[in-house]
Amino acid sequence: MRITEKDPHSHSYDSNLFAMMWKTKTIYQQINQQKIPVDSKFTKNVPQWKSFDSFASSRFSRLLWIAFYILFFAYFTTALWQWFLLPIALLMAPIHGVIINWFGHIYGYVNYKMTNTSKNLFPFDFLMMGEGYHNNHHKHASSANFGVKWHEIDVTYQIIKVLDFFGFIKLKPVSIKK
């Protein structure tokens, strides 16, 4: 997978991480509004929930989430300093995106030689729930498990396995060539 200027996650075509974040936001909005086409390889076997997607990407939905976080903090905070964590909670998705898509192409180690600059950020990735295994993700993009070495534990994959065990989801078996 070669990175091009059309890649919303590439740091290679942006002067700084804020420019990359803004470009990513703009591209995803255009995809959501069906203003730009998406290659069928990315949508094959993916359910389409247009009404849900429309609601989830609306300003109203964002305001509901902000209200939920504020109410959550109002109920659970026990000290004034904890309120300083509210902006982090509200901005977690863009912060996560920057860590993975900006730094995950600059710092870290490589398991697979690729035509892009993807790297694994952490040898053990509990902080990003497995998303920090970015090089592994670029090599095995359709795998539910981004961890491939013994120490690369993908926390999200472990959650997926529990959901599969209890029958909430059906996990497809995928073989990964190391």
N, C-alpha and C. Protein backbone atom coordinates (compact mmCIF):
# COMPACT_ATOMS: atom_id res chain seq x y z
N MET A 1 0.85 -1.18 0.00
CA MET A 1 0.00 0.00 0.00
C MET A 1 0.90 1.24 0.00
N ARG A 2 0.90 1.95 -1.09
CA ARG A 2 1.72 3.14 -1.21
C ARG A 2 0.92 4.35 -0.74
N ILE A 3 1.58 5.21 0.04
CA ILE A 3 0.93 6.42 0.54
C ILE A 3 0.97 7.50 -0.52
N THR A 4 -0.18 8.12 -0.76
CA THR A 4 -0.28 9.20 -1.73
C THR A 4 -0.85 10.42 -1.03
N GLU A 5 -0.89 11.51 -1.77
CA GLU A 5 -1.45 12.74 -1.20
C GLU A 5 -2.95 12.61 -0.90
N LYS A 6 -3.60 11.55 -1.41
CA LYS A 6 -5.02 11.33 -1.13
C LYS A 6 -5.24 10.60 0.20
N ASP A 7 -4.18 10.09 0.80
CA ASP A 7 -4.29 9.38 2.07
C ASP A 7 -4.59 10.37 3.19
N PRO A 8 -5.75 10.27 3.83
CA PRO A 8 -6.10 11.24 4.87
C PRO A 8 -5.25 11.10 6.13
N HIS A 9 -4.51 10.00 6.25
CA HIS A 9 -3.75 9.76 7.47
C HIS A 9 -2.25 10.01 7.31
N SER A 10 -1.80 10.31 6.13
CA SER A 10 -0.37 10.42 5.93
C SER A 10 0.17 11.75 6.42
N HIS A 11 1.26 11.68 7.17
CA HIS A 11 1.94 12.89 7.61
C HIS A 11 2.83 13.45 6.51
N SER A 12 3.09 12.65 5.49
CA SER A 12 4.07 13.01 4.45
C SER A 12 3.66 14.21 3.61
N TYR A 13 2.37 14.51 3.53
CA TYR A 13 1.89 15.57 2.66
C TYR A 13 1.34 16.77 3.44
N ASP A 14 1.59 16.80 4.73
CA ASP A 14 1.12 17.91 5.56
C ASP A 14 2.30 18.52 6.30
N SER A 15 2.25 19.83 6.50
CA SER A 15 3.36 20.53 7.14
C SER A 15 3.40 20.31 8.65
N ASN A 16 2.25 19.99 9.25
CA ASN A 16 2.23 19.76 10.69
C ASN A 16 1.03 18.88 11.04
N LEU A 17 0.99 18.45 12.28
CA LEU A 17 -0.08 17.52 12.68
C LEU A 17 -1.46 18.14 12.67
N PHE A 18 -1.56 19.45 12.89
CA PHE A 18 -2.88 20.11 12.84
C PHE A 18 -3.43 20.15 11.42
N ALA A 19 -2.53 20.37 10.44
CA ALA A 19 -2.94 20.36 9.03
C ALA A 19 -3.43 18.96 8.64
N MET A 20 -2.74 17.92 9.12
CA MET A 20 -3.16 16.55 8.84
C MET A 20 -4.53 16.28 9.46
N MET A 21 -4.72 16.73 10.71
CA MET A 21 -6.02 16.52 11.38
C MET A 21 -7.15 17.20 10.62
N TRP A 22 -6.91 18.41 10.17
CA TRP A 22 -7.95 19.16 9.46
C TRP A 22 -8.27 18.49 8.13
N LYS A 23 -7.23 18.04 7.41
CA LYS A 23 -7.45 17.35 6.15
C LYS A 23 -8.24 16.06 6.38
N THR A 24 -7.88 15.32 7.41
CA THR A 24 -8.58 14.07 7.72
C THR A 24 -10.05 14.34 8.01
N LYS A 25 -10.33 15.35 8.83
CA LYS A 25 -11.70 15.72 9.15
C LYS A 25 -12.49 16.07 7.89
N THR A 26 -11.87 16.85 7.02
CA THR A 26 -12.53 17.28 5.78
C THR A 26 -12.84 16.09 4.87
N ILE A 27 -11.88 15.20 4.72
CA ILE A 27 -12.09 14.02 3.86
C ILE A 27 -13.21 13.15 4.42
N TYR A 28 -13.20 12.90 5.73
CA TYR A 28 -14.25 12.06 6.31
C TYR A 28 -15.62 12.71 6.22
N GLN A 29 -15.68 14.02 6.35
CA GLN A 29 -16.97 14.70 6.17
C GLN A 29 -17.46 14.53 4.73
N GLN A 30 -16.55 14.65 3.77
CA GLN A 30 -16.94 14.49 2.37
C GLN A 30 -17.39 13.06 2.08
N ILE A 31 -16.73 12.09 2.70
CA ILE A 31 -17.15 10.69 2.53
C ILE A 31 -18.53 10.50 3.14
N ASN A 32 -18.73 11.02 4.34
CA ASN A 32 -20.02 10.90 5.03
C ASN A 32 -21.15 11.54 4.24
N GLN A 33 -20.86 12.65 3.60
CA GLN A 33 -21.87 13.36 2.81
C GLN A 33 -21.94 12.85 1.38
N GLN A 34 -21.20 11.78 1.09
CA GLN A 34 -21.15 11.13 -0.23
C GLN A 34 -20.76 12.11 -1.33
N LYS A 35 -19.85 13.02 -1.01
CA LYS A 35 -19.35 13.98 -1.99
C LYS A 35 -18.14 13.43 -2.74
N ILE A 36 -17.46 12.44 -2.16
CA ILE A 36 -16.35 11.78 -2.85
C ILE A 36 -16.57 10.27 -2.79
N PRO A 37 -16.22 9.58 -3.86
CA PRO A 37 -16.44 8.12 -3.89
C PRO A 37 -15.40 7.39 -3.03
N VAL A 38 -15.80 6.24 -2.53
CA VAL A 38 -14.91 5.38 -1.77
C VAL A 38 -14.71 4.10 -2.55
N ASP A 39 -13.46 3.69 -2.70
CA ASP A 39 -13.15 2.47 -3.44
C ASP A 39 -13.90 1.30 -2.82
N SER A 40 -14.47 0.45 -3.66
CA SER A 40 -15.30 -0.66 -3.18
C SER A 40 -14.53 -1.64 -2.30
N LYS A 41 -13.20 -1.70 -2.42
CA LYS A 41 -12.44 -2.61 -1.57
C LYS A 41 -12.54 -2.21 -0.09
N PHE A 42 -12.90 -0.95 0.18
CA PHE A 42 -13.05 -0.49 1.56
C PHE A 42 -14.48 -0.66 2.07
N THR A 43 -15.42 -0.89 1.19
CA THR A 43 -16.83 -0.98 1.60
C THR A 43 -17.43 -2.37 1.40
N LYS A 44 -16.69 -3.28 0.79
CA LYS A 44 -17.19 -4.62 0.54
C LYS A 44 -17.53 -5.31 1.87
N ASN A 45 -18.73 -5.86 1.94
CA ASN A 45 -19.23 -6.58 3.11
C ASN A 45 -19.36 -5.70 4.36
N VAL A 46 -19.37 -4.40 4.19
CA VAL A 46 -19.55 -3.49 5.32
C VAL A 46 -21.01 -3.02 5.30
N PRO A 47 -21.75 -3.24 6.40
CA PRO A 47 -23.14 -2.81 6.40
C PRO A 47 -23.26 -1.29 6.30
N GLN A 48 -24.28 -0.84 5.62
CA GLN A 48 -24.53 0.59 5.46
C GLN A 48 -25.73 0.98 6.32
N TRP A 49 -25.51 1.87 7.25
CA TRP A 49 -26.56 2.36 8.13
C TRP A 49 -26.67 3.86 7.95
N LYS A 50 -27.23 4.26 6.85
CA LYS A 50 -27.25 5.68 6.48
C LYS A 50 -27.93 6.56 7.53
N SER A 51 -29.05 6.14 8.06
CA SER A 51 -29.74 6.99 9.05
C SER A 51 -28.92 7.09 10.34
N PHE A 52 -28.33 5.98 10.77
CA PHE A 52 -27.48 6.02 11.96
C PHE A 52 -26.25 6.89 11.71
N ASP A 53 -25.59 6.70 10.56
CA ASP A 53 -24.41 7.50 10.24
C ASP A 53 -24.73 8.98 10.17
N SER A 54 -25.89 9.28 9.62
CA SER A 54 -26.32 10.68 9.53
C SER A 54 -26.49 11.28 10.92
N PHE A 55 -27.15 10.53 11.80
CA PHE A 55 -27.33 11.00 13.18
C PHE A 55 -25.99 11.10 13.90
N ALA A 56 -25.15 10.06 13.78
CA ALA A 56 -23.88 10.01 14.51
C ALA A 56 -22.92 11.11 14.10
N SER A 57 -23.02 11.57 12.87
CA SER A 57 -22.11 12.62 12.41
C SER A 57 -22.73 14.02 12.51
N SER A 58 -23.91 14.11 13.11
CA SER A 58 -24.58 15.40 13.18
C SER A 58 -24.05 16.25 14.35
N ARG A 59 -24.28 17.55 14.25
CA ARG A 59 -23.91 18.45 15.36
C ARG A 59 -24.71 18.10 16.62
N PHE A 60 -25.97 17.73 16.42
CA PHE A 60 -26.82 17.36 17.54
C PHE A 60 -26.21 16.19 18.33
N SER A 61 -25.73 15.17 17.62
CA SER A 61 -25.10 14.03 18.26
C SER A 61 -23.85 14.45 19.02
N ARG A 62 -23.05 15.31 18.42
CA ARG A 62 -21.84 15.81 19.10
C ARG A 62 -22.20 16.57 20.38
N LEU A 63 -23.23 17.39 20.29
CA LEU A 63 -23.66 18.13 21.48
C LEU A 63 -24.18 17.19 22.57
N LEU A 64 -24.87 16.11 22.18
CA LEU A 64 -25.33 15.12 23.14
C LEU A 64 -24.14 14.47 23.86
N TRP A 65 -23.10 14.13 23.10
CA TRP A 65 -21.91 13.52 23.71
C TRP A 65 -21.22 14.50 24.65
N ILE A 66 -21.13 15.76 24.25
CA ILE A 66 -20.51 16.77 25.11
C ILE A 66 -21.31 16.89 26.41
N ALA A 67 -22.63 16.93 26.29
CA ALA A 67 -23.49 17.01 27.47
C ALA A 67 -23.31 15.78 28.35
N PHE A 68 -23.22 14.60 27.74
CA PHE A 68 -23.00 13.37 28.50
C PHE A 68 -21.69 13.44 29.28
N TYR A 69 -20.62 13.86 28.63
CA TYR A 69 -19.33 13.95 29.32
C TYR A 69 -19.38 14.96 30.47
N ILE A 70 -20.01 16.09 30.24
CA ILE A 70 -20.12 17.10 31.30
C ILE A 70 -20.91 16.54 32.48
N LEU A 71 -22.03 15.87 32.20
CA LEU A 71 -22.82 15.26 33.28
C LEU A 71 -22.04 14.17 34.00
N PHE A 72 -21.31 13.39 33.24
CA PHE A 72 -20.47 12.34 33.83
C PHE A 72 -19.45 12.94 34.79
N PHE A 73 -18.77 14.00 34.34
CA PHE A 73 -17.79 14.67 35.19
C PHE A 73 -18.47 15.31 36.41
N ALA A 74 -19.62 15.91 36.20
CA ALA A 74 -20.34 16.55 37.31
C ALA A 74 -20.70 15.52 38.39
N TYR A 75 -21.03 14.33 37.96
CA TYR A 75 -21.43 13.30 38.91
C TYR A 75 -20.25 12.63 39.59
N PHE A 76 -19.16 12.37 38.83
CA PHE A 76 -18.08 11.54 39.34
C PHE A 76 -16.83 12.28 39.83
N THR A 77 -16.63 13.53 39.44
CA THR A 77 -15.41 14.21 39.91
C THR A 77 -15.50 14.49 41.40
N THR A 78 -14.36 14.32 42.03
CA THR A 78 -14.29 14.53 43.48
C THR A 78 -13.34 15.67 43.84
N ALA A 79 -12.64 16.19 42.83
CA ALA A 79 -11.70 17.30 43.07
C ALA A 79 -11.71 18.22 41.86
N LEU A 80 -11.44 19.46 42.11
CA LEU A 80 -11.46 20.48 41.04
C LEU A 80 -10.49 20.15 39.90
N TRP A 81 -9.31 19.63 40.22
CA TRP A 81 -8.31 19.35 39.20
C TRP A 81 -8.82 18.33 38.17
N GLN A 82 -9.75 17.47 38.54
CA GLN A 82 -10.26 16.45 37.62
C GLN A 82 -11.02 17.07 36.44
N TRP A 83 -11.56 18.27 36.65
CA TRP A 83 -12.26 18.95 35.55
C TRP A 83 -11.30 19.30 34.42
N PHE A 84 -10.01 19.41 34.71
CA PHE A 84 -9.03 19.70 33.66
C PHE A 84 -8.87 18.52 32.70
N LEU A 85 -9.38 17.36 33.07
CA LEU A 85 -9.35 16.19 32.18
C LEU A 85 -10.51 16.20 31.18
N LEU A 86 -11.51 17.03 31.39
CA LEU A 86 -12.67 17.09 30.49
C LEU A 86 -12.27 17.41 29.05
N PRO A 87 -11.42 18.41 28.78
CA PRO A 87 -11.04 18.65 27.38
C PRO A 87 -10.33 17.46 26.74
N ILE A 88 -9.56 16.73 27.52
CA ILE A 88 -8.89 15.54 26.98
C ILE A 88 -9.93 14.50 26.60
N ALA A 89 -10.93 14.29 27.46
CA ALA A 89 -12.00 13.34 27.16
C ALA A 89 -12.77 13.76 25.90
N LEU A 90 -13.04 15.05 25.78
CA LEU A 90 -13.80 15.54 24.62
C LEU A 90 -13.00 15.45 23.33
N LEU A 91 -11.69 15.55 23.42
CA LEU A 91 -10.83 15.55 22.22
C LEU A 91 -10.08 14.24 22.01
N MET A 92 -10.51 13.18 22.69
CA MET A 92 -9.77 11.92 22.64
C MET A 92 -9.65 11.36 21.22
N ALA A 93 -10.69 11.42 20.42
CA ALA A 93 -10.61 10.85 19.06
C ALA A 93 -9.56 11.56 18.21
N PRO A 94 -9.54 12.90 18.14
CA PRO A 94 -8.48 13.54 17.36
C PRO A 94 -7.09 13.33 17.96
N ILE A 95 -6.99 13.28 19.29
CA ILE A 95 -5.69 13.02 19.91
C ILE A 95 -5.20 11.63 19.53
N HIS A 96 -6.09 10.67 19.60
CA HIS A 96 -5.75 9.29 19.22
C HIS A 96 -5.32 9.24 17.75
N GLY A 97 -6.06 9.94 16.89
CA GLY A 97 -5.72 9.97 15.47
C GLY A 97 -4.34 10.54 15.21
N VAL A 98 -3.98 11.59 15.93
CA VAL A 98 -2.65 12.20 15.76
C VAL A 98 -1.57 11.24 16.23
N ILE A 99 -1.77 10.62 17.38
CA ILE A 99 -0.75 9.71 17.90
C ILE A 99 -0.50 8.59 16.91
N ILE A 100 -1.55 8.00 16.40
CA ILE A 100 -1.38 6.86 15.49
C ILE A 100 -0.93 7.31 14.10
N ASN A 101 -1.63 8.26 13.51
CA ASN A 101 -1.39 8.58 12.10
C ASN A 101 -0.24 9.54 11.86
N TRP A 102 0.15 10.32 12.84
CA TRP A 102 1.30 11.21 12.67
C TRP A 102 2.54 10.50 13.21
N PHE A 103 2.52 10.19 14.49
CA PHE A 103 3.69 9.60 15.12
C PHE A 103 3.93 8.16 14.69
N GLY A 104 2.86 7.44 14.32
CA GLY A 104 2.98 6.05 13.86
C GLY A 104 3.61 5.91 12.50
N HIS A 105 3.93 7.01 11.87
CA HIS A 105 4.67 6.99 10.60
C HIS A 105 6.05 7.63 10.77
N ILE A 106 6.38 8.03 11.99
CA ILE A 106 7.67 8.69 12.23
C ILE A 106 8.52 7.90 13.22
N TYR A 107 7.93 7.46 14.33
CA TYR A 107 8.68 6.81 15.40
C TYR A 107 8.26 5.36 15.56
N GLY A 108 9.18 4.53 16.02
CA GLY A 108 8.85 3.16 16.35
C GLY A 108 9.71 2.15 15.63
N TYR A 109 9.23 0.93 15.62
CA TYR A 109 9.97 -0.18 14.99
C TYR A 109 9.12 -0.80 13.89
N VAL A 110 9.77 -1.58 13.04
CA VAL A 110 9.11 -2.14 11.85
C VAL A 110 9.22 -3.67 11.89
N ASN A 111 8.09 -4.32 11.76
CA ASN A 111 8.07 -5.78 11.59
C ASN A 111 8.09 -6.16 10.12
N TYR A 112 7.50 -5.32 9.28
CA TYR A 112 7.36 -5.64 7.85
C TYR A 112 7.89 -4.49 7.02
N LYS A 113 8.71 -4.83 6.04
CA LYS A 113 9.19 -3.81 5.10
C LYS A 113 8.03 -3.50 4.17
N MET A 114 7.67 -2.22 4.14
CA MET A 114 6.50 -1.79 3.36
C MET A 114 6.93 -0.66 2.42
N THR A 115 6.03 -0.31 1.50
CA THR A 115 6.29 0.83 0.61
C THR A 115 5.81 2.12 1.24
N ASN A 116 5.42 2.07 2.52
CA ASN A 116 5.03 3.27 3.24
C ASN A 116 5.91 3.40 4.48
N THR A 117 5.67 4.40 5.28
CA THR A 117 6.52 4.69 6.43
C THR A 117 5.91 4.21 7.75
N SER A 118 4.93 3.33 7.71
CA SER A 118 4.26 2.90 8.94
C SER A 118 5.22 2.19 9.89
N LYS A 119 5.03 2.47 11.18
CA LYS A 119 5.84 1.87 12.23
C LYS A 119 4.94 1.46 13.39
N ASN A 120 5.41 0.50 14.17
CA ASN A 120 4.75 0.13 15.41
C ASN A 120 5.29 1.05 16.49
N LEU A 121 4.41 1.74 17.19
CA LEU A 121 4.85 2.72 18.18
C LEU A 121 5.38 2.08 19.47
N PHE A 122 4.73 1.02 19.93
CA PHE A 122 5.05 0.46 21.24
C PHE A 122 5.26 -1.05 21.15
N PRO A 123 6.20 -1.59 21.92
CA PRO A 123 6.34 -3.05 21.98
C PRO A 123 5.14 -3.70 22.68
N PHE A 124 4.56 -3.00 23.66
CA PHE A 124 3.32 -3.45 24.31
C PHE A 124 2.38 -2.26 24.29
N ASP A 125 1.25 -2.42 23.63
CA ASP A 125 0.37 -1.28 23.37
C ASP A 125 -0.95 -1.36 24.11
N PHE A 126 -0.94 -1.03 25.38
CA PHE A 126 -2.20 -0.95 26.12
C PHE A 126 -2.78 0.46 26.00
N LEU A 127 -1.92 1.45 25.74
CA LEU A 127 -2.34 2.85 25.68
C LEU A 127 -3.28 3.12 24.50
N MET A 128 -2.95 2.58 23.33
CA MET A 128 -3.75 2.81 22.12
C MET A 128 -4.60 1.60 21.77
N MET A 129 -4.68 0.64 22.69
CA MET A 129 -5.56 -0.54 22.54
C MET A 129 -5.23 -1.36 21.29
N GLY A 130 -3.95 -1.41 20.91
CA GLY A 130 -3.52 -2.20 19.76
C GLY A 130 -3.33 -1.39 18.49
N GLU A 131 -3.88 -0.19 18.43
CA GLU A 131 -3.75 0.66 17.24
C GLU A 131 -2.30 1.11 17.03
N GLY A 132 -1.49 1.05 18.08
CA GLY A 132 -0.08 1.45 17.97
C GLY A 132 0.75 0.49 17.15
N TYR A 133 0.20 -0.68 16.82
CA TYR A 133 0.89 -1.62 15.93
C TYR A 133 0.56 -1.26 14.50
N HIS A 134 0.96 -0.07 14.12
CA HIS A 134 0.54 0.53 12.85
C HIS A 134 1.18 -0.17 11.65
N ASN A 135 2.44 -0.57 11.77
CA ASN A 135 3.10 -1.29 10.68
C ASN A 135 2.41 -2.63 10.44
N ASN A 136 2.06 -3.32 11.53
CA ASN A 136 1.33 -4.59 11.40
C ASN A 136 -0.02 -4.36 10.72
N HIS A 137 -0.69 -3.27 11.09
CA HIS A 137 -1.99 -2.93 10.50
C HIS A 137 -1.87 -2.69 9.00
N HIS A 138 -0.82 -1.98 8.58
CA HIS A 138 -0.65 -1.73 7.14
C HIS A 138 -0.36 -3.03 6.39
N LYS A 139 0.33 -3.97 7.01
CA LYS A 139 0.62 -5.25 6.36
C LYS A 139 -0.62 -6.14 6.33
N HIS A 140 -1.37 -6.17 7.41
CA HIS A 140 -2.55 -7.05 7.54
C HIS A 140 -3.78 -6.20 7.84
N ALA A 141 -4.16 -5.35 6.91
CA ALA A 141 -5.21 -4.36 7.14
C ALA A 141 -6.56 -4.96 7.49
N SER A 142 -6.86 -6.15 7.02
CA SER A 142 -8.18 -6.73 7.28
C SER A 142 -8.20 -7.62 8.53
N SER A 143 -7.09 -7.73 9.21
CA SER A 143 -7.04 -8.57 10.41
C SER A 143 -7.64 -7.83 11.60
N ALA A 144 -8.35 -8.56 12.45
CA ALA A 144 -8.90 -7.98 13.68
C ALA A 144 -7.81 -7.84 14.74
N ASN A 145 -6.74 -8.62 14.61
CA ASN A 145 -5.65 -8.62 15.58
C ASN A 145 -4.43 -7.93 14.98
N PHE A 146 -4.07 -6.78 15.53
CA PHE A 146 -2.90 -6.04 15.02
C PHE A 146 -1.60 -6.53 15.66
N GLY A 147 -1.67 -7.30 16.72
CA GLY A 147 -0.46 -7.84 17.34
C GLY A 147 -0.03 -9.11 16.63
N VAL A 148 1.26 -9.21 16.27
CA VAL A 148 1.75 -10.42 15.59
C VAL A 148 2.89 -11.10 16.34
N LYS A 149 3.67 -10.36 17.11
CA LYS A 149 4.75 -10.96 17.90
C LYS A 149 4.21 -11.29 19.28
N TRP A 150 4.92 -12.14 20.01
CA TRP A 150 4.43 -12.62 21.31
C TRP A 150 4.14 -11.48 22.28
N HIS A 151 4.89 -10.40 22.19
CA HIS A 151 4.73 -9.29 23.13
C HIS A 151 3.73 -8.24 22.63
N GLU A 152 3.27 -8.36 21.41
CA GLU A 152 2.34 -7.39 20.85
C GLU A 152 0.90 -7.84 21.15
N ILE A 153 0.40 -7.41 22.27
CA ILE A 153 -0.94 -7.81 22.70
C ILE A 153 -1.91 -6.70 22.32
N ASP A 154 -2.80 -7.03 21.41
CA ASP A 154 -3.82 -6.09 20.95
C ASP A 154 -5.02 -6.19 21.89
N VAL A 155 -5.16 -5.21 22.76
CA VAL A 155 -6.21 -5.22 23.78
C VAL A 155 -7.60 -5.25 23.13
N THR A 156 -7.78 -4.49 22.06
CA THR A 156 -9.08 -4.47 21.38
C THR A 156 -9.42 -5.86 20.84
N TYR A 157 -8.43 -6.56 20.31
CA TYR A 157 -8.66 -7.92 19.81
C TYR A 157 -9.10 -8.85 20.94
N GLN A 158 -8.53 -8.66 22.12
CA GLN A 158 -8.93 -9.49 23.26
C GLN A 158 -10.41 -9.24 23.60
N ILE A 159 -10.83 -8.00 23.51
CA ILE A 159 -12.24 -7.65 23.74
C ILE A 159 -13.11 -8.29 22.65
N ILE A 160 -12.65 -8.23 21.41
CA ILE A 160 -13.37 -8.85 20.30
C ILE A 160 -13.53 -10.35 20.53
N LYS A 161 -12.48 -11.01 21.02
CA LYS A 161 -12.56 -12.45 21.29
C LYS A 161 -13.59 -12.76 22.37
N VAL A 162 -13.69 -11.92 23.39
CA VAL A 162 -14.70 -12.11 24.45
C VAL A 162 -16.10 -11.94 23.86
N LEU A 163 -16.29 -10.90 23.04
CA LEU A 163 -17.59 -10.68 22.40
C LEU A 163 -17.96 -11.86 21.49
N ASP A 164 -16.96 -12.42 20.80
CA ASP A 164 -17.19 -13.60 19.96
C ASP A 164 -17.56 -14.81 20.82
N PHE A 165 -16.85 -15.01 21.92
CA PHE A 165 -17.10 -16.14 22.82
C PHE A 165 -18.54 -16.14 23.32
N PHE A 166 -19.05 -14.96 23.68
CA PHE A 166 -20.41 -14.86 24.20
C PHE A 166 -21.46 -14.75 23.10
N GLY A 167 -21.04 -14.77 21.83
CA GLY A 167 -21.98 -14.80 20.72
C GLY A 167 -22.54 -13.45 20.31
N PHE A 168 -21.97 -12.36 20.82
CA PHE A 168 -22.43 -11.04 20.40
C PHE A 168 -22.00 -10.71 18.98
N ILE A 169 -20.85 -11.24 18.58
CA ILE A 169 -20.34 -11.05 17.22
C ILE A 169 -19.81 -12.39 16.72
N LYS A 170 -19.53 -12.47 15.44
CA LYS A 170 -18.93 -13.67 14.86
C LYS A 170 -17.60 -13.26 14.25
N LEU A 171 -16.51 -13.73 14.84
CA LEU A 171 -15.17 -13.41 14.39
C LEU A 171 -14.76 -14.39 13.28
N LYS A 172 -14.36 -13.84 12.14
CA LYS A 172 -13.91 -14.68 11.04
C LYS A 172 -12.46 -15.09 11.28
N PRO A 173 -12.15 -16.37 11.08
CA PRO A 173 -10.75 -16.78 11.23
C PRO A 173 -9.90 -16.22 10.08
N VAL A 174 -8.75 -15.67 10.42
CA VAL A 174 -7.83 -15.12 9.43
C VAL A 174 -6.44 -15.64 9.74
N SER A 175 -5.76 -16.13 8.73
CA SER A 175 -4.39 -16.58 8.95
C SER A 175 -3.43 -15.45 8.58
N ILE A 176 -2.47 -15.22 9.46
CA ILE A 176 -1.48 -14.17 9.24
C ILE A 176 -0.14 -14.84 9.01
N LYS A 177 0.47 -14.49 7.89
CA LYS A 177 1.82 -14.99 7.60
C LYS A 177 2.82 -14.03 8.19
N LYS A 178 3.66 -14.55 9.07
CA LYS A 178 4.63 -13.68 9.75
C LYS A 178 5.86 -13.42 8.93
